């Protein structure tokens, strides 16, 4: 009598694997696994980009209480960026990144540091005269300033959409300045916020146009900018007031640590992670959470006023920045699509 083929009964491990594949969506093939890894990376990138913008927008939430306690601007700068420099330095040592610059890199580091210092100190000065959310929103216009400076300095053409975005931004600032019609914003504060955005826009141009700066990793760039800003704050404070002001209370200490760790180090690290995962364009678009975070924190925790004209002005500024970002990305996207559509030689 001929024996039939033996039927293999799957073991427990095989049954578990089948159940995970059927009910938990576990990948069956290697390609699906790679796709899931890519998608998980993209989701993480979106989260990192949003978190980076939200935490950076919380700068006035920690800075304004320090100012209300009487801490000087220069001392705030020193503590914030000294602590951030130390933490980022430890991260660089852990990642085995080069910290000591070459002599050729020093001029670029000095220029970037001074521009970053200017942006930071002008922003804090603007908090003396404006609500934190309004000042942060005006500073957020830096892509508009980049477009204008690139036209003036490098003779780059401005598209019709970019000109339209600039016009929207100007109208948005005008609405912010006029307020509700009964009381205008403080002009000094508006000027300081604009200068902060101009300094940061100049910083971004140097990062992209200077050969030494363009070769820095995001972590090295942040380390040098924080280091120079901390030194500048210490020098200004010591020369003007004879020394760095001590932190006066535990509440001030907590705000200083949150400002340095959460709104500086954590924000910068998640920003770098987002750029690696989803690219600079989408990360820049997610930057819209920055002024929104500042406005919401100001209303909920700092008692800052909010009117319909302020809402419209903030919306117009954010919209103008988004238009400029997408307009810059349009050419790259079209080129990428053309490259994808072009058939390969082996097809």
C-alpha atoms as a PDB file:
ATOM      1  CA  UNK A   1       0.000   0.000   0.000  1.00  0.00           C
ATOM      2  CA  UNK A   2       1.417   3.265  -1.120  1.00  0.00           C
ATOM      3  CA  UNK A   3       1.946   5.810   1.611  1.00  0.00           C
ATOM      4  CA  UNK A   4       0.541   9.314   1.119  1.00  0.00           C
ATOM      5  CA  UNK A   5       2.575  12.443   1.507  1.00  0.00           C
ATOM      6  CA  UNK A   6       3.063  13.553   5.076  1.00  0.00           C
ATOM      7  CA  UNK A   7       1.306  16.738   6.046  1.00  0.00           C
ATOM      8  CA  UNK A   8       3.524  19.185   7.975  1.00  0.00           C
ATOM      9  CA  UNK A   9       1.776  20.759  10.904  1.00  0.00           C
ATOM     10  CA  UNK A  10       3.043  24.296  11.441  1.00  0.00           C
ATOM     11  CA  UNK A  11       4.688  24.964  14.764  1.00  0.00           C
ATOM     12  CA  UNK A  12       3.773  27.628  17.229  1.00  0.00           C
ATOM     13  CA  UNK A  13       6.310  30.118  15.891  1.00  0.00           C
ATOM     14  CA  UNK A  14       4.930  29.780  12.369  1.00  0.00           C
ATOM     15  CA  UNK A  15       1.372  30.250  13.618  1.00  0.00           C
ATOM     16  CA  UNK A  16       2.399  33.337  15.545  1.00  0.00           C
ATOM     17  CA  UNK A  17       4.125  34.758  12.459  1.00  0.00           C
ATOM     18  CA  UNK A  18       1.021  34.096  10.350  1.00  0.00           C
ATOM     19  CA  UNK A  19      -1.208  35.778  12.934  1.00  0.00           C
ATOM     20  CA  UNK A  20       1.026  38.849  13.039  1.00  0.00           C
ATOM     21  CA  UNK A  21       1.005  39.060   9.260  1.00  0.00           C
ATOM     22  CA  UNK A  22      -2.763  38.617   9.015  1.00  0.00           C
ATOM     23  CA  UNK A  23      -3.996  40.703  11.909  1.00  0.00           C
ATOM     24  CA  UNK A  24      -1.190  43.149  12.791  1.00  0.00           C
ATOM     25  CA  UNK A  25      -0.132  44.116   9.307  1.00  0.00           C
ATOM     26  CA  UNK A  26       3.398  42.766   9.699  1.00  0.00           C
ATOM     27  CA  UNK A  27       5.407  42.860   6.502  1.00  0.00           C
ATOM     28  CA  UNK A  28       5.650  39.619   4.561  1.00  0.00           C
ATOM     29  CA  UNK A  29       8.297  40.604   2.057  1.00  0.00           C
ATOM     30  CA  UNK A  30      11.502  42.539   2.359  1.00  0.00           C
ATOM     31  CA  UNK A  31      10.272  45.337   0.095  1.00  0.00           C
ATOM     32  CA  UNK A  32       7.255  45.961   2.296  1.00  0.00           C
ATOM     33  CA  UNK A  33       9.523  46.054   5.330  1.00  0.00           C
ATOM     34  CA  UNK A  34      11.708  48.709   3.712  1.00  0.00           C
ATOM     35  CA  UNK A  35       8.613  50.661   2.718  1.00  0.00           C
ATOM     36  CA  UNK A  36       7.304  50.548   6.269  1.00  0.00           C
ATOM     37  CA  UNK A  37      10.674  51.758   7.549  1.00  0.00           C
ATOM     38  CA  UNK A  38      10.580  54.648   5.100  1.00  0.00           C
ATOM     39  CA  UNK A  39       7.031  55.559   6.088  1.00  0.00           C
ATOM     40  CA  UNK A  40       7.887  55.352   9.779  1.00  0.00           C
ATOM     41  CA  UNK A  41      10.850  57.620   9.121  1.00  0.00           C
ATOM     42  CA  UNK A  42       8.628  60.099   7.296  1.00  0.00           C
ATOM     43  CA  UNK A  43       6.098  60.162  10.135  1.00  0.00           C
ATOM     44  CA  UNK A  44       8.912  60.702  12.622  1.00  0.00           C
ATOM     45  CA  UNK A  45      10.245  63.503  10.415  1.00  0.00           C
ATOM     46  CA  UNK A  46       6.889  65.285  10.388  1.00  0.00           C
ATOM     47  CA  UNK A  47       6.631  64.949  14.158  1.00  0.00           C
ATOM     48  CA  UNK A  48      10.192  66.189  14.650  1.00  0.00           C
ATOM     49  CA  UNK A  49       9.580  69.188  12.377  1.00  0.00           C
ATOM     50  CA  UNK A  50       6.412  70.184  14.199  1.00  0.00           C
ATOM     51  CA  UNK A  51       7.951  69.655  17.644  1.00  0.00           C
ATOM     52  CA  UNK A  52      11.021  71.695  16.676  1.00  0.00           C
ATOM     53  CA  UNK A  53       8.881  74.639  15.588  1.00  0.00           C
ATOM     54  CA  UNK A  54       6.558  74.439  18.591  1.00  0.00           C
ATOM     55  CA  UNK A  55       9.414  74.341  21.113  1.00  0.00           C
ATOM     56  CA  UNK A  56      11.278  77.154  19.348  1.00  0.00           C
ATOM     57  CA  UNK A  57       8.098  79.210  19.420  1.00  0.00           C
ATOM     58  CA  UNK A  58       8.070  78.819  23.204  1.00  0.00           C
ATOM     59  CA  UNK A  59      11.089  81.141  23.559  1.00  0.00           C
ATOM     60  CA  UNK A  60       8.961  84.101  24.753  1.00  0.00           C
ATOM     61  CA  UNK A  61       7.181  81.826  27.244  1.00  0.00           C
ATOM     62  CA  UNK A  62      10.481  81.356  29.114  1.00  0.00           C
ATOM     63  CA  UNK A  63      12.202  84.653  28.248  1.00  0.00           C
ATOM     64  CA  UNK A  64       9.514  87.181  29.192  1.00  0.00           C
ATOM     65  CA  UNK A  65       9.151  85.883  32.806  1.00  0.00           C
ATOM     66  CA  UNK A  66      12.943  86.249  33.185  1.00  0.00           C
ATOM     67  CA  UNK A  67      12.708  89.835  31.948  1.00  0.00           C
ATOM     68  CA  UNK A  68       9.830  90.528  34.347  1.00  0.00           C
ATOM     69  CA  UNK A  69      12.044  89.345  37.202  1.00  0.00           C
ATOM     70  CA  UNK A  70      14.641  91.927  36.167  1.00  0.00           C
ATOM     71  CA  UNK A  71      17.209  89.758  34.390  1.00  0.00           C
ATOM     72  CA  UNK A  72      19.179  91.665  31.775  1.00  0.00           C
ATOM     73  CA  UNK A  73      19.009  90.739  28.097  1.00  0.00           C
ATOM     74  CA  UNK A  74      22.734  90.022  27.877  1.00  0.00           C
ATOM     75  CA  UNK A  75      22.632  87.700  30.901  1.00  0.00           C
ATOM     76  CA  UNK A  76      19.702  85.804  29.400  1.00  0.00           C
ATOM     77  CA  UNK A  77      21.700  85.393  26.203  1.00  0.00           C
ATOM     78  CA  UNK A  78      24.742  84.150  28.077  1.00  0.00           C
ATOM     79  CA  UNK A  79      22.955  81.559  30.210  1.00  0.00           C
ATOM     80  CA  UNK A  80      20.797  80.279  27.373  1.00  0.00           C
ATOM     81  CA  UNK A  81      23.594  79.765  24.887  1.00  0.00           C
ATOM     82  CA  UNK A  82      26.309  78.757  27.365  1.00  0.00           C
ATOM     83  CA  UNK A  83      24.158  75.862  28.586  1.00  0.00           C
ATOM     84  CA  UNK A  84      23.182  75.008  24.995  1.00  0.00           C
ATOM     85  CA  UNK A  85      26.838  75.075  23.880  1.00  0.00           C
ATOM     86  CA  UNK A  86      27.847  72.697  26.676  1.00  0.00           C
ATOM     87  CA  UNK A  87      25.077  70.190  25.868  1.00  0.00           C
ATOM     88  CA  UNK A  88      25.650  70.310  22.101  1.00  0.00           C
ATOM     89  CA  UNK A  89      29.376  69.936  22.727  1.00  0.00           C
ATOM     90  CA  UNK A  90      28.757  66.685  24.637  1.00  0.00           C
ATOM     91  CA  UNK A  91      26.548  65.474  21.770  1.00  0.00           C
ATOM     92  CA  UNK A  92      29.317  66.250  19.280  1.00  0.00           C
ATOM     93  CA  UNK A  93      31.861  64.350  21.385  1.00  0.00           C
ATOM     94  CA  UNK A  94      29.478  61.379  21.549  1.00  0.00           C
ATOM     95  CA  UNK A  95      29.013  61.474  17.768  1.00  0.00           C
ATOM     96  CA  UNK A  96      32.744  62.038  17.243  1.00  0.00           C
ATOM     97  CA  UNK A  97      32.238  65.249  15.282  1.00  0.00           C
ATOM     98  CA  UNK A  98      35.076  67.707  14.924  1.00  0.00           C
ATOM     99  CA  UNK A  99      34.718  70.670  17.271  1.00  0.00           C
ATOM    100  CA  UNK A 100      37.914  72.690  16.762  1.00  0.00           C
ATOM    101  CA  UNK A 101      37.687  74.761  13.567  1.00  0.00           C
ATOM    102  CA  UNK A 102      40.526  75.454  11.161  1.00  0.00           C
ATOM    103  CA  UNK A 103      41.944  78.938  10.689  1.00  0.00           C
ATOM    104  CA  UNK A 104      40.158  79.247   7.335  1.00  0.00           C
ATOM    105  CA  UNK A 105      36.809  78.588   9.034  1.00  0.00           C
ATOM    106  CA  UNK A 106      37.198  81.258  11.728  1.00  0.00           C
ATOM    107  CA  UNK A 107      35.985  84.260   9.636  1.00  0.00           C
ATOM    108  CA  UNK A 108      32.809  82.405   8.648  1.00  0.00           C
ATOM    109  CA  UNK A 109      32.215  81.320  12.247  1.00  0.00           C
ATOM    110  CA  UNK A 110      32.695  84.875  13.506  1.00  0.00           C
ATOM    111  CA  UNK A 111      30.294  86.303  10.910  1.00  0.00           C
ATOM    112  CA  UNK A 112      27.652  83.642  11.527  1.00  0.00           C
ATOM    113  CA  UNK A 113      27.980  84.075  15.275  1.00  0.00           C
ATOM    114  CA  UNK A 114      27.566  87.845  15.108  1.00  0.00           C
ATOM    115  CA  UNK A 115      24.480  87.556  12.888  1.00  0.00           C
ATOM    116  CA  UNK A 116      22.979  84.924  15.192  1.00  0.00           C
ATOM    117  CA  UNK A 117      23.763  87.116  18.192  1.00  0.00           C
ATOM    118  CA  UNK A 118      22.100  90.090  16.510  1.00  0.00           C
ATOM    119  CA  UNK A 119      18.990  88.077  15.715  1.00  0.00           C
ATOM    120  CA  UNK A 120      18.728  86.741  19.278  1.00  0.00           C
ATOM    121  CA  UNK A 121      19.348  90.036  21.069  1.00  0.00           C
ATOM    122  CA  UNK A 122      17.030  92.074  18.827  1.00  0.00           C
ATOM    123  CA  UNK A 123      14.268  89.522  19.396  1.00  0.00           C
ATOM    124  CA  UNK A 124      14.609  89.788  23.175  1.00  0.00           C
ATOM    125  CA  UNK A 125      14.676  93.583  22.961  1.00  0.00           C
ATOM    126  CA  UNK A 126      11.441  93.461  20.945  1.00  0.00           C
ATOM    127  CA  UNK A 127       9.788  91.588  23.837  1.00  0.00           C
ATOM    128  CA  UNK A 128      10.161  94.757  25.922  1.00  0.00           C
ATOM    129  CA  UNK A 129       7.734  96.572  23.620  1.00  0.00           C
ATOM    130  CA  UNK A 130       5.614  93.883  21.907  1.00  0.00           C
ATOM    131  CA  UNK A 131       3.689  90.778  22.835  1.00  0.00           C
ATOM    132  CA  UNK A 132       5.869  87.710  22.414  1.00  0.00           C
ATOM    133  CA  UNK A 133       3.611  86.158  19.763  1.00  0.00           C
ATOM    134  CA  UNK A 134       3.543  89.327  17.646  1.00  0.00           C
ATOM    135  CA  UNK A 135       7.326  89.834  17.877  1.00  0.00           C
ATOM    136  CA  UNK A 136       8.013  86.199  16.972  1.00  0.00           C
ATOM    137  CA  UNK A 137       5.634  86.401  14.004  1.00  0.00           C
ATOM    138  CA  UNK A 138       7.387  89.490  12.624  1.00  0.00           C
ATOM    139  CA  UNK A 139      10.773  87.795  13.053  1.00  0.00           C
ATOM    140  CA  UNK A 140       9.330  84.745  11.245  1.00  0.00           C
ATOM    141  CA  UNK A 141       9.304  86.884   8.076  1.00  0.00           C
ATOM    142  CA  UNK A 142      13.001  86.144   7.531  1.00  0.00           C
ATOM    143  CA  UNK A 143      12.372  84.178   4.259  1.00  0.00           C
ATOM    144  CA  UNK A 144      10.865  87.391   2.881  1.00  0.00           C
ATOM    145  CA  UNK A 145      14.034  89.263   3.816  1.00  0.00           C
ATOM    146  CA  UNK A 146      16.137  86.504   2.253  1.00  0.00           C
ATOM    147  CA  UNK A 147      14.255  86.873  -1.044  1.00  0.00           C
ATOM    148  CA  UNK A 148      14.739  90.654  -1.032  1.00  0.00           C
ATOM    149  CA  UNK A 149      18.438  90.473  -0.105  1.00  0.00           C
ATOM    150  CA  UNK A 150      19.099  87.796  -2.723  1.00  0.00           C
ATOM    151  CA  UNK A 151      17.604  90.137  -5.306  1.00  0.00           C
ATOM    152  CA  UNK A 152      19.614  93.170  -4.128  1.00  0.00           C
ATOM    153  CA  UNK A 153      22.952  91.453  -3.505  1.00  0.00           C
ATOM    154  CA  UNK A 154      22.989  88.499  -5.909  1.00  0.00           C
ATOM    155  CA  UNK A 155      20.603  89.897  -8.557  1.00  0.00           C
ATOM    156  CA  UNK A 156      18.308  86.876  -8.368  1.00  0.00           C
ATOM    157  CA  UNK A 157      15.010  87.331 -10.171  1.00  0.00           C
ATOM    158  CA  UNK A 158      11.837  87.561  -8.127  1.00  0.00           C
ATOM    159  CA  UNK A 159       8.861  85.713  -9.554  1.00  0.00           C
ATOM    160  CA  UNK A 160       5.397  87.194  -9.604  1.00  0.00           C
ATOM    161  CA  UNK A 161       4.357  84.901  -6.744  1.00  0.00           C
ATOM    162  CA  UNK A 162       7.321  86.001  -4.632  1.00  0.00           C
ATOM    163  CA  UNK A 163       6.470  89.665  -5.207  1.00  0.00           C
ATOM    164  CA  UNK A 164       2.873  88.868  -4.276  1.00  0.00           C
ATOM    165  CA  UNK A 165       4.095  87.174  -1.076  1.00  0.00           C
ATOM    166  CA  UNK A 166       6.231  90.196  -0.171  1.00  0.00           C
ATOM    167  CA  UNK A 167       3.212  92.455  -0.638  1.00  0.00           C
ATOM    168  CA  UNK A 168       1.115  90.185   1.603  1.00  0.00           C
ATOM    169  CA  UNK A 169       3.834  90.246   4.281  1.00  0.00           C
ATOM    170  CA  UNK A 170       3.968  94.056   4.228  1.00  0.00           C
ATOM    171  CA  UNK A 171       0.196  94.231   4.584  1.00  0.00           C
ATOM    172  CA  UNK A 172       0.370  91.734   7.443  1.00  0.00           C
ATOM    173  CA  UNK A 173       2.924  93.832   9.317  1.00  0.00           C
ATOM    174  CA  UNK A 174       0.780  96.914   8.720  1.00  0.00           C
ATOM    175  CA  UNK A 175      -2.251  95.162  10.245  1.00  0.00           C
ATOM    176  CA  UNK A 176      -0.157  94.085  13.223  1.00  0.00           C
ATOM    177  CA  UNK A 177       1.119  97.614  13.674  1.00  0.00           C
ATOM    178  CA  UNK A 178      -2.328  99.214  13.472  1.00  0.00           C
ATOM    179  CA  UNK A 179      -3.774  96.755  15.969  1.00  0.00           C
ATOM    180  CA  UNK A 180      -7.475  97.134  16.679  1.00  0.00           C
ATOM    181  CA  UNK A 181      -7.514 100.775  15.518  1.00  0.00           C
ATOM    182  CA  UNK A 182      -7.482 102.286  18.990  1.00  0.00           C
ATOM    183  CA  UNK A 183      -3.872 101.553  19.907  1.00  0.00           C
ATOM    184  CA  UNK A 184      -0.975 100.885  17.518  1.00  0.00           C
ATOM    185  CA  UNK A 185       1.990  98.677  18.244  1.00  0.00           C
ATOM    186  CA  UNK A 186       5.152 100.214  19.582  1.00  0.00           C
ATOM    187  CA  UNK A 187       7.280 101.215  16.587  1.00  0.00           C
ATOM    188  CA  UNK A 188      10.546 100.532  18.426  1.00  0.00           C
ATOM    189  CA  UNK A 189       9.458  96.974  19.110  1.00  0.00           C
ATOM    190  CA  UNK A 190       8.438  96.460  15.479  1.00  0.00           C
ATOM    191  CA  UNK A 191      11.840  97.731  14.304  1.00  0.00           C
ATOM    192  CA  UNK A 192      13.675  95.408  16.707  1.00  0.00           C
ATOM    193  CA  UNK A 193      11.623  92.402  15.525  1.00  0.00           C
ATOM    194  CA  UNK A 194      12.293  93.305  11.885  1.00  0.00           C
ATOM    195  CA  UNK A 195      16.029  93.646  12.611  1.00  0.00           C
ATOM    196  CA  UNK A 196      15.950  90.222  14.251  1.00  0.00           C
ATOM    197  CA  UNK A 197      14.438  88.730  11.100  1.00  0.00           C
ATOM    198  CA  UNK A 198      16.922  90.575   8.863  1.00  0.00           C
ATOM    199  CA  UNK A 199      19.869  89.280  10.903  1.00  0.00           C
ATOM    200  CA  UNK A 200      18.539  85.726  10.756  1.00  0.00           C
ATOM    201  CA  UNK A 201      17.869  86.029   7.024  1.00  0.00           C
ATOM    202  CA  UNK A 202      21.457  87.225   6.530  1.00  0.00           C
ATOM    203  CA  UNK A 203      22.620  84.288   8.636  1.00  0.00           C
ATOM    204  CA  UNK A 204      20.797  81.877   6.315  1.00  0.00           C
ATOM    205  CA  UNK A 205      22.329  83.507   3.228  1.00  0.00           C
ATOM    206  CA  UNK A 206      25.855  83.174   4.649  1.00  0.00           C
ATOM    207  CA  UNK A 207      25.164  79.525   5.520  1.00  0.00           C
ATOM    208  CA  UNK A 208      24.232  78.804   1.904  1.00  0.00           C
ATOM    209  CA  UNK A 209      26.695  81.070   0.070  1.00  0.00           C
ATOM    210  CA  UNK A 210      29.881  80.813   2.150  1.00  0.00           C
ATOM    211  CA  UNK A 211      31.979  77.746   1.254  1.00  0.00           C
ATOM    212  CA  UNK A 212      33.224  77.163   4.795  1.00  0.00           C
ATOM    213  CA  UNK A 213      29.780  77.567   6.345  1.00  0.00           C
ATOM    214  CA  UNK A 214      28.179  75.336   3.719  1.00  0.00           C
ATOM    215  CA  UNK A 215      30.537  72.512   4.690  1.00  0.00           C
ATOM    216  CA  UNK A 216      29.477  72.538   8.359  1.00  0.00           C
ATOM    217  CA  UNK A 217      27.074  69.915   9.611  1.00  0.00           C
ATOM    218  CA  UNK A 218      23.920  71.202  11.254  1.00  0.00           C
ATOM    219  CA  UNK A 219      25.261  70.279  14.678  1.00  0.00           C
ATOM    220  CA  UNK A 220      28.609  72.056  14.166  1.00  0.00           C
ATOM    221  CA  UNK A 221      26.840  75.120  12.815  1.00  0.00           C
ATOM    222  CA  UNK A 222      24.570  75.294  15.859  1.00  0.00           C
ATOM    223  CA  UNK A 223      27.504  74.721  18.210  1.00  0.00           C
ATOM    224  CA  UNK A 224      29.537  77.592  16.770  1.00  0.00           C
ATOM    225  CA  UNK A 225      26.539  79.962  16.657  1.00  0.00           C
ATOM    226  CA  UNK A 226      25.657  79.221  20.291  1.00  0.00           C
ATOM    227  CA  UNK A 227      29.284  79.536  21.403  1.00  0.00           C
ATOM    228  CA  UNK A 228      29.816  82.954  19.793  1.00  0.00           C
ATOM    229  CA  UNK A 229      26.452  84.217  21.089  1.00  0.00           C
ATOM    230  CA  UNK A 230      27.275  83.090  24.640  1.00  0.00           C
ATOM    231  CA  UNK A 231      30.659  84.830  24.464  1.00  0.00           C
ATOM    232  CA  UNK A 232      29.065  87.989  23.048  1.00  0.00           C
ATOM    233  CA  UNK A 233      26.482  88.061  25.838  1.00  0.00           C
ATOM    234  CA  UNK A 234      29.194  87.645  28.470  1.00  0.00           C
ATOM    235  CA  UNK A 235      31.402  90.371  26.966  1.00  0.00           C
ATOM    236  CA  UNK A 236      28.563  92.882  26.602  1.00  0.00           C
ATOM    237  CA  UNK A 237      27.260  92.167  30.108  1.00  0.00           C
ATOM    238  CA  UNK A 238      30.714  92.424  31.677  1.00  0.00           C
ATOM    239  CA  UNK A 239      31.680  95.622  29.840  1.00  0.00           C
ATOM    240  CA  UNK A 240      28.348  97.397  30.398  1.00  0.00           C
ATOM    241  CA  UNK A 241      27.455  96.225  33.901  1.00  0.00           C
ATOM    242  CA  UNK A 242      30.690  94.862  35.356  1.00  0.00           C
ATOM    243  CA  UNK A 243      29.690  91.216  35.319  1.00  0.00           C
ATOM    244  CA  UNK A 244      27.097  88.595  34.506  1.00  0.00           C
ATOM    245  CA  UNK A 245      23.888  88.869  36.489  1.00  0.00           C
ATOM    246  CA  UNK A 246      23.190  85.952  38.812  1.00  0.00           C
ATOM    247  CA  UNK A 247      19.981  83.957  38.549  1.00  0.00           C
ATOM    248  CA  UNK A 248      17.781  85.283  41.326  1.00  0.00           C
ATOM    249  CA  UNK A 249      15.241  82.535  42.035  1.00  0.00           C
ATOM    250  CA  UNK A 250      14.376  78.904  41.465  1.00  0.00           C
ATOM    251  CA  UNK A 251      11.642  79.979  39.057  1.00  0.00           C
ATOM    252  CA  UNK A 252      14.180  81.934  37.026  1.00  0.00           C
ATOM    253  CA  UNK A 253      16.513  78.932  37.080  1.00  0.00           C
ATOM    254  CA  UNK A 254      13.733  76.682  35.752  1.00  0.00           C
ATOM    255  CA  UNK A 255      12.881  79.133  32.957  1.00  0.00           C
ATOM    256  CA  UNK A 256      16.562  79.477  32.053  1.00  0.00           C
ATOM    257  CA  UNK A 257      17.008  75.703  31.819  1.00  0.00           C
ATOM    258  CA  UNK A 258      13.839  75.271  29.764  1.00  0.00           C
ATOM    259  CA  UNK A 259      14.914  78.092  27.463  1.00  0.00           C
ATOM    260  CA  UNK A 260      18.333  76.498  26.910  1.00  0.00           C
ATOM    261  CA  UNK A 261      17.392  72.827  26.825  1.00  0.00           C
ATOM    262  CA  UNK A 262      13.879  72.756  25.336  1.00  0.00           C
ATOM    263  CA  UNK A 263      13.743  75.826  23.068  1.00  0.00           C
ATOM    264  CA  UNK A 264      17.367  75.699  21.926  1.00  0.00           C
ATOM    265  CA  UNK A 265      19.044  72.275  22.118  1.00  0.00           C
ATOM    266  CA  UNK A 266      15.980  70.051  21.740  1.00  0.00           C
ATOM    267  CA  UNK A 267      14.545  72.302  19.036  1.00  0.00           C
ATOM    268  CA  UNK A 268      17.795  72.245  17.047  1.00  0.00           C
ATOM    269  CA  UNK A 269      18.246  68.465  17.324  1.00  0.00           C
ATOM    270  CA  UNK A 270      14.687  67.706  16.232  1.00  0.00           C
ATOM    271  CA  UNK A 271      15.078  70.211  13.395  1.00  0.00           C
ATOM    272  CA  UNK A 272      18.168  68.389  12.116  1.00  0.00           C
ATOM    273  CA  UNK A 273      16.344  65.057  12.411  1.00  0.00           C
ATOM    274  CA  UNK A 274      13.370  66.418  10.463  1.00  0.00           C
ATOM    275  CA  UNK A 275      15.569  67.751   7.653  1.00  0.00           C
ATOM    276  CA  UNK A 276      17.232  64.341   7.309  1.00  0.00           C
ATOM    277  CA  UNK A 277      13.854  62.535   7.199  1.00  0.00           C
ATOM    278  CA  UNK A 278      11.571  64.793   5.130  1.00  0.00           C
ATOM    279  CA  UNK A 279      13.851  67.429   3.602  1.00  0.00           C
ATOM    280  CA  UNK A 280      14.331  71.127   4.185  1.00  0.00           C
ATOM    281  CA  UNK A 281      11.279  72.340   2.240  1.00  0.00           C
ATOM    282  CA  UNK A 282       8.629  70.451   4.203  1.00  0.00           C
ATOM    283  CA  UNK A 283      10.497  71.182   7.436  1.00  0.00           C
ATOM    284  CA  UNK A 284      10.361  74.880   6.569  1.00  0.00           C
ATOM    285  CA  UNK A 285       6.622  74.621   5.944  1.00  0.00           C
ATOM    286  CA  UNK A 286       6.179  73.019   9.366  1.00  0.00           C
ATOM    287  CA  UNK A 287       7.961  76.093  10.722  1.00  0.00           C
ATOM    288  CA  UNK A 288       4.559  77.780  10.624  1.00  0.00           C
ATOM    289  CA  UNK A 289       3.969  76.192  14.026  1.00  0.00           C
ATOM    290  CA  UNK A 290       6.608  78.540  15.467  1.00  0.00           C
ATOM    291  CA  UNK A 291       4.608  81.807  15.465  1.00  0.00           C
ATOM    292  CA  UNK A 292       1.409  79.916  16.232  1.00  0.00           C
ATOM    293  CA  UNK A 293       3.063  78.364  19.288  1.00  0.00           C
ATOM    294  CA  UNK A 294       4.309  81.779  20.434  1.00  0.00           C
ATOM    295  CA  UNK A 295       0.861  83.332  20.019  1.00  0.00           C
ATOM    296  CA  UNK A 296      -0.957  80.519  21.846  1.00  0.00           C
ATOM    297  CA  UNK A 297       1.561  80.490  24.728  1.00  0.00           C
ATOM    298  CA  UNK A 298       1.308  84.272  25.007  1.00  0.00           C
ATOM    299  CA  UNK A 299      -2.486  84.197  25.238  1.00  0.00           C
ATOM    300  CA  UNK A 300      -2.721  81.235  27.621  1.00  0.00           C
ATOM    301  CA  UNK A 301       0.208  81.872  29.970  1.00  0.00           C
ATOM    302  CA  UNK A 302       1.378  85.483  29.595  1.00  0.00           C
ATOM    303  CA  UNK A 303      -1.959  87.276  29.367  1.00  0.00           C
ATOM    304  CA  UNK A 304      -1.212  88.798  25.959  1.00  0.00           C
ATOM    305  CA  UNK A 305      -4.123  90.392  24.049  1.00  0.00           C
ATOM    306  CA  UNK A 306      -5.427  88.995  20.793  1.00  0.00           C
ATOM    307  CA  UNK A 307      -7.678  90.801  18.303  1.00  0.00           C
ATOM    308  CA  UNK A 308      -9.135  90.036  14.897  1.00  0.00           C
ATOM    309  CA  UNK A 309      -6.703  92.396  13.156  1.00  0.00           C
ATOM    310  CA  UNK A 310      -3.772  90.657  14.854  1.00  0.00           C
ATOM    311  CA  UNK A 311      -5.163  87.303  13.736  1.00  0.00           C
ATOM    312  CA  UNK A 312      -5.457  88.465  10.114  1.00  0.00           C
ATOM    313  CA  UNK A 313      -1.988  90.036  10.197  1.00  0.00           C
ATOM    314  CA  UNK A 314      -0.385  86.878  11.594  1.00  0.00           C
ATOM    315  CA  UNK A 315      -2.199  84.748   9.027  1.00  0.00           C
ATOM    316  CA  UNK A 316      -1.012  86.965   6.169  1.00  0.00           C
ATOM    317  CA  UNK A 317       2.619  86.827   7.316  1.00  0.00           C
ATOM    318  CA  UNK A 318       2.541  83.037   7.680  1.00  0.00           C
ATOM    319  CA  UNK A 319       0.865  82.730   4.263  1.00  0.00           C
ATOM    320  CA  UNK A 320       3.514  84.936   2.629  1.00  0.00           C
ATOM    321  CA  UNK A 321       6.315  82.826   4.085  1.00  0.00           C
ATOM    322  CA  UNK A 322       4.652  79.606   2.903  1.00  0.00           C
ATOM    323  CA  UNK A 323       4.285  81.032  -0.623  1.00  0.00           C
ATOM    324  CA  UNK A 324       7.978  81.941  -0.798  1.00  0.00           C
ATOM    325  CA  UNK A 325       9.073  78.530   0.516  1.00  0.00           C
ATOM    326  CA  UNK A 326       6.893  76.632  -1.957  1.00  0.00           C
ATOM    327  CA  UNK A 327       7.900  78.931  -4.813  1.00  0.00           C
ATOM    328  CA  UNK A 328      11.569  78.175  -4.152  1.00  0.00           C
ATOM    329  CA  UNK A 329      10.840  74.471  -3.964  1.00  0.00           C
ATOM    330  CA  UNK A 330       8.791  74.435  -7.170  1.00  0.00           C
ATOM    331  CA  UNK A 331      11.790  74.385  -9.479  1.00  0.00           C
ATOM    332  CA  UNK A 332      13.414  71.533  -7.579  1.00  0.00           C
ATOM    333  CA  UNK A 333      10.181  69.533  -7.580  1.00  0.00           C
ATOM    334  CA  UNK A 334       9.698  69.995 -11.340  1.00  0.00           C
ATOM    335  CA  UNK A 335      13.312  68.982 -12.012  1.00  0.00           C
ATOM    336  CA  UNK A 336      12.886  65.929  -9.809  1.00  0.00           C
ATOM    337  CA  UNK A 337       9.697  64.895 -11.602  1.00  0.00           C
ATOM    338  CA  UNK A 338      11.359  65.310 -14.979  1.00  0.00           C
ATOM    339  CA  UNK A 339      14.278  63.195 -13.852  1.00  0.00           C
ATOM    340  CA  UNK A 340      11.893  60.510 -12.609  1.00  0.00           C
ATOM    341  CA  UNK A 341       9.859  60.519 -15.810  1.00  0.00           C
ATOM    342  CA  UNK A 342      12.945  60.252 -18.037  1.00  0.00           C
ATOM    343  CA  UNK A 343      13.407  56.578 -19.037  1.00  0.00           C
ATOM    344  CA  UNK A 344      16.646  54.918 -18.124  1.00  0.00           C
ATOM    345  CA  UNK A 345      18.972  53.503 -20.773  1.00  0.00           C
ATOM    346  CA  UNK A 346      18.450  49.963 -19.640  1.00  0.00           C
ATOM    347  CA  UNK A 347      14.661  50.145 -19.963  1.00  0.00           C
END
